[in-house]
């Protein structure tokens, strides 16, 4: 039996970039210069998201969603226009959901983390340059992701971490447990989160980690390189391990600085 993959469209404020957001699959989001382009890009990334879903035994559910169903549209922000990244909670992100749904979304976030950890452990230290040349190395990408997760995303629920603490397996595992627990408690108590919501924070965290996971896979120089969607990316312009511990050699990521504030830029400021 097939079913539809539910989509929400984040609309631009100046008509520059749209973002298609998979309502039930945190992290599966793609931007484009038109609504149709964003939907087409998301559809091409479904096979890349499938390994994430399979990690938590949801692969079959995703595989049956062969049709795309746009269930709503909502206004984005100026950053939506500029980056082609979702920067606004959707109407669904503002609605309450039960504990079972929250647990499902957390499982997918953990699967995204696992995909990132294993990709970083596998790919080459130096990565293929982008279309315009340059681009971060693997270690710089790792540090960028961890710095933003520890210094921005988790800080929003009062669970910040210093990036140096996240560069060890024990420190990263402890941080992720605290971050999930903080989101769960924040949501259960109904605390405000400024312009964001907990469902949006969760899916935005998953998006950020997966976007850079796929970047590393696309730019890998080893024999493990995947034949992915490198040509589809606009970056130059704009199984969970059984132990639950990350397998990435994170300590090596301390070589280069990266700003603590999230930027979809391909390069950190000052890093070439």
Protein backbone atom coordinates (compact mmCIF):
# COMPACT_ATOMS: atom_id res chain seq x y z
CA UNK A 1 0.00 0.00 0.00
CA UNK A 2 1.33 3.40 -0.93
CA UNK A 3 0.76 6.67 0.85
CA UNK A 4 1.66 10.30 0.35
CA UNK A 5 4.69 12.08 1.74
CA UNK A 6 3.28 15.24 3.28
CA UNK A 7 5.01 18.49 2.35
CA UNK A 8 4.86 22.02 3.64
CA UNK A 9 6.16 24.93 1.58
CA UNK A 10 7.99 27.77 3.30
CA UNK A 11 7.43 30.77 1.07
CA UNK A 12 9.89 33.63 0.55
CA UNK A 13 9.31 37.19 1.60
CA UNK A 14 10.84 38.60 -1.62
CA UNK A 15 10.14 35.84 -4.11
CA UNK A 16 13.73 34.54 -4.24
CA UNK A 17 13.79 31.06 -2.65
CA UNK A 18 11.22 28.52 -1.52
CA UNK A 19 11.79 25.57 0.84
CA UNK A 20 9.99 22.23 0.74
CA UNK A 21 9.75 20.60 4.17
CA UNK A 22 8.79 16.96 4.75
CA UNK A 23 6.25 17.24 7.55
CA UNK A 24 6.93 13.82 9.07
CA UNK A 25 10.65 13.37 8.39
CA UNK A 26 12.82 15.83 10.35
CA UNK A 27 15.81 16.98 8.34
CA UNK A 28 14.36 16.23 4.91
CA UNK A 29 14.16 19.75 3.51
CA UNK A 30 15.38 21.35 0.28
CA UNK A 31 15.33 24.85 -1.11
CA UNK A 32 14.93 26.10 -4.66
CA UNK A 33 14.40 29.23 -6.71
CA UNK A 34 10.79 28.21 -7.34
CA UNK A 35 8.32 26.13 -5.38
CA UNK A 36 8.45 23.40 -8.02
CA UNK A 37 12.23 23.29 -7.89
CA UNK A 38 12.25 22.92 -4.11
CA UNK A 39 9.78 20.04 -4.32
CA UNK A 40 11.78 18.36 -7.09
CA UNK A 41 14.98 18.64 -5.07
CA UNK A 42 13.35 17.18 -2.00
CA UNK A 43 12.07 14.26 -4.06
CA UNK A 44 15.62 13.57 -5.27
CA UNK A 45 16.87 13.51 -1.69
CA UNK A 46 14.37 10.93 -0.45
CA UNK A 47 16.72 8.03 -1.37
CA UNK A 48 19.46 9.79 0.60
CA UNK A 49 17.20 10.10 3.63
CA UNK A 50 16.18 6.45 3.42
CA UNK A 51 19.29 5.15 5.27
CA UNK A 52 18.39 7.49 8.14
CA UNK A 53 14.85 6.10 8.30
CA UNK A 54 16.16 2.54 8.09
CA UNK A 55 18.30 3.05 11.18
CA UNK A 56 15.12 3.30 13.26
CA UNK A 57 13.12 0.75 11.27
CA UNK A 58 11.08 3.35 9.43
CA UNK A 59 12.53 2.65 5.99
CA UNK A 60 9.50 0.73 4.80
CA UNK A 61 7.18 3.54 5.88
CA UNK A 62 9.19 6.07 3.89
CA UNK A 63 9.55 3.79 0.88
CA UNK A 64 5.78 3.47 0.55
CA UNK A 65 5.31 7.23 0.38
CA UNK A 66 5.67 7.43 -3.36
CA UNK A 67 3.39 10.43 -3.88
CA UNK A 68 4.06 13.99 -2.75
CA UNK A 69 1.20 15.91 -1.16
CA UNK A 70 1.57 19.63 -0.42
CA UNK A 71 -0.61 20.08 2.65
CA UNK A 72 0.08 23.74 3.28
CA UNK A 73 2.11 26.87 2.69
CA UNK A 74 3.35 29.40 5.21
CA UNK A 75 5.49 32.57 5.18
CA UNK A 76 9.21 32.34 5.77
CA UNK A 77 11.66 35.03 6.81
CA UNK A 78 14.27 37.14 5.08
CA UNK A 79 16.74 34.32 5.74
CA UNK A 80 14.49 31.95 3.78
CA UNK A 81 14.97 34.21 0.76
CA UNK A 82 18.68 34.64 1.28
CA UNK A 83 19.74 31.07 2.07
CA UNK A 84 17.02 28.82 0.73
CA UNK A 85 16.87 27.19 4.17
CA UNK A 86 13.82 26.91 6.43
CA UNK A 87 14.07 29.57 9.13
CA UNK A 88 10.46 29.69 10.28
CA UNK A 89 8.30 27.21 12.18
CA UNK A 90 5.47 25.79 10.10
CA UNK A 91 1.88 25.68 11.34
CA UNK A 92 2.46 22.02 12.26
CA UNK A 93 5.51 23.04 14.29
CA UNK A 94 3.20 25.24 16.35
CA UNK A 95 0.68 22.51 17.11
CA UNK A 96 1.02 20.15 20.08
CA UNK A 97 1.87 16.54 19.40
CA UNK A 98 1.73 13.53 21.66
CA UNK A 99 4.63 11.78 23.36
CA UNK A 100 4.65 9.00 20.78
CA UNK A 101 5.13 11.47 17.91
CA UNK A 102 7.83 13.33 19.81
CA UNK A 103 9.67 10.06 20.49
CA UNK A 104 9.50 9.18 16.79
CA UNK A 105 11.00 12.52 15.81
CA UNK A 106 13.76 12.12 18.40
CA UNK A 107 14.58 8.67 17.03
CA UNK A 108 15.03 10.19 13.59
CA UNK A 109 17.21 12.97 14.99
CA UNK A 110 19.40 10.36 16.67
CA UNK A 111 19.57 8.48 13.38
CA UNK A 112 20.70 11.69 11.65
CA UNK A 113 23.43 12.08 14.26
CA UNK A 114 24.54 8.50 13.67
CA UNK A 115 24.64 9.05 9.91
CA UNK A 116 26.80 12.13 10.46
CA UNK A 117 29.16 10.34 12.85
CA UNK A 118 29.70 7.38 10.56
CA UNK A 119 30.13 9.57 7.48
CA UNK A 120 32.74 11.74 9.22
CA UNK A 121 34.61 8.59 10.29
CA UNK A 122 34.60 7.25 6.73
CA UNK A 123 35.30 10.13 4.36
CA UNK A 124 38.65 11.61 3.41
CA UNK A 125 40.16 14.30 5.63
CA UNK A 126 40.45 16.63 2.65
CA UNK A 127 37.36 16.95 0.50
CA UNK A 128 36.76 17.71 -3.15
CA UNK A 129 36.61 21.50 -3.73
CA UNK A 130 33.26 23.05 -4.48
CA UNK A 131 32.20 24.35 -7.88
CA UNK A 132 33.87 27.69 -7.13
CA UNK A 133 36.83 26.10 -5.39
CA UNK A 134 37.58 26.02 -1.70
CA UNK A 135 35.28 24.59 0.91
CA UNK A 136 35.84 23.23 4.38
CA UNK A 137 37.73 20.08 5.19
CA UNK A 138 36.04 17.19 7.00
CA UNK A 139 37.40 18.34 10.36
CA UNK A 140 36.21 21.90 9.80
CA UNK A 141 32.73 20.64 8.91
CA UNK A 142 32.63 18.50 12.06
CA UNK A 143 33.64 21.44 14.19
CA UNK A 144 31.12 23.72 12.48
CA UNK A 145 28.24 21.32 13.11
CA UNK A 146 29.18 20.71 16.75
CA UNK A 147 29.86 24.39 17.46
CA UNK A 148 26.43 25.42 16.22
CA UNK A 149 24.62 22.58 17.93
CA UNK A 150 26.37 23.23 21.26
CA UNK A 151 26.53 27.00 21.08
CA UNK A 152 23.23 27.91 19.40
CA UNK A 153 20.65 25.14 19.03
CA UNK A 154 20.95 23.48 22.44
CA UNK A 155 21.53 26.83 24.11
CA UNK A 156 17.95 27.73 23.24
CA UNK A 157 16.74 25.13 25.76
CA UNK A 158 19.45 26.00 28.28
CA UNK A 159 21.58 22.97 27.49
CA UNK A 160 24.68 24.54 25.91
CA UNK A 161 28.02 22.81 25.47
CA UNK A 162 31.48 24.04 24.60
CA UNK A 163 32.71 22.69 21.30
CA UNK A 164 35.87 21.28 22.88
CA UNK A 165 33.69 19.13 25.14
CA UNK A 166 31.93 17.73 22.08
CA UNK A 167 35.13 16.61 20.40
CA UNK A 168 35.32 13.45 22.50
CA UNK A 169 32.91 10.47 22.24
CA UNK A 170 31.91 10.71 25.91
CA UNK A 171 31.38 14.46 25.77
CA UNK A 172 29.30 14.27 22.59
CA UNK A 173 27.16 11.42 23.90
CA UNK A 174 26.49 13.30 27.15
CA UNK A 175 25.63 16.50 25.26
CA UNK A 176 23.14 14.77 22.97
CA UNK A 177 21.40 13.13 25.91
CA UNK A 178 21.13 16.47 27.71
CA UNK A 179 19.90 18.22 24.57
CA UNK A 180 17.14 15.67 23.95
CA UNK A 181 16.12 15.68 27.62
CA UNK A 182 16.00 19.49 27.62
CA UNK A 183 13.83 19.60 24.49
CA UNK A 184 11.51 16.98 25.96
CA UNK A 185 11.15 18.85 29.27
CA UNK A 186 10.77 22.23 27.55
CA UNK A 187 8.02 20.90 25.32
CA UNK A 188 6.23 19.05 28.12
CA UNK A 189 6.15 22.19 30.26
CA UNK A 190 4.95 24.34 27.37
CA UNK A 191 7.71 26.92 27.74
CA UNK A 192 8.00 29.60 25.06
CA UNK A 193 11.00 29.51 22.72
CA UNK A 194 10.91 32.97 21.21
CA UNK A 195 10.12 32.82 17.48
CA UNK A 196 11.03 29.13 17.38
CA UNK A 197 9.21 26.07 18.71
CA UNK A 198 10.57 22.75 19.97
CA UNK A 199 9.36 20.81 16.90
CA UNK A 200 11.11 23.36 14.68
CA UNK A 201 14.29 23.24 16.79
CA UNK A 202 14.35 19.46 16.48
CA UNK A 203 13.87 19.39 12.71
CA UNK A 204 16.27 22.30 12.14
CA UNK A 205 18.95 20.47 14.12
CA UNK A 206 18.34 17.35 12.03
CA UNK A 207 18.45 19.39 8.81
CA UNK A 208 21.75 21.03 9.69
CA UNK A 209 23.49 17.79 10.59
CA UNK A 210 22.16 15.95 7.52
CA UNK A 211 22.94 18.78 5.12
CA UNK A 212 26.59 18.62 6.17
CA UNK A 213 26.53 14.82 6.19
CA UNK A 214 25.46 14.85 2.55
CA UNK A 215 28.05 17.53 1.79
CA UNK A 216 30.82 15.28 3.12
CA UNK A 217 29.49 12.33 1.13
CA UNK A 218 29.33 14.40 -2.05
CA UNK A 219 32.86 15.75 -1.65
CA UNK A 220 34.53 12.56 -0.38
CA UNK A 221 37.76 11.69 -2.19
CA UNK A 222 38.04 8.08 -1.03
CA UNK A 223 36.69 4.91 -2.59
CA UNK A 224 33.74 5.22 -0.23
CA UNK A 225 32.46 8.30 -2.06
CA UNK A 226 28.79 8.09 -2.88
CA UNK A 227 27.23 8.98 -6.22
CA UNK A 228 24.94 11.53 -4.66
CA UNK A 229 23.36 14.79 -5.57
CA UNK A 230 26.47 16.95 -5.66
CA UNK A 231 25.34 18.73 -8.81
CA UNK A 232 22.02 19.53 -7.17
CA UNK A 233 23.49 21.25 -4.16
CA UNK A 234 23.49 25.04 -3.91
CA UNK A 235 26.12 25.14 -1.17
CA UNK A 236 28.57 27.23 -3.18
CA UNK A 237 26.02 29.95 -3.44
CA UNK A 238 24.35 30.16 -0.40
CA UNK A 239 22.80 2.20 12.38
CA UNK A 240 23.01 4.39 15.44
CA UNK A 241 26.05 2.55 16.82
CA UNK A 242 24.83 -0.14 19.22
CA UNK A 243 26.72 1.51 22.05
CA UNK A 244 25.05 4.84 21.26
CA UNK A 245 28.51 6.42 21.10
CA UNK A 246 29.76 8.45 18.13
CA UNK A 247 32.38 6.75 16.00
CA UNK A 248 33.80 9.97 14.49
CA UNK A 249 37.43 10.93 15.21
CA UNK A 250 36.16 14.21 16.61
CA UNK A 251 39.33 15.25 18.39
CA UNK A 252 40.98 15.88 15.03
CA UNK A 253 38.38 18.55 14.28
CA UNK A 254 40.06 21.02 16.64
CA UNK A 255 42.50 22.16 13.98
CA UNK A 256 40.56 25.13 12.62
CA UNK A 257 38.26 27.72 14.16
CA UNK A 258 34.64 28.05 13.16
CA UNK A 259 32.14 30.69 14.26
CA UNK A 260 29.67 29.57 16.89
CA UNK A 261 26.71 31.19 15.13
CA UNK A 262 25.09 29.01 12.48
CA UNK A 263 25.65 30.08 8.90
CA UNK A 264 24.70 28.08 5.83
CA UNK A 265 27.89 29.40 4.17
CA UNK A 266 30.08 26.69 2.70
CA UNK A 267 33.05 28.26 4.49
CA UNK A 268 33.55 29.52 7.98
CA UNK A 269 34.71 33.11 8.11
CA UNK A 270 38.47 33.18 8.06
CA UNK A 271 38.79 29.52 7.05
CA UNK A 272 39.91 28.79 3.51
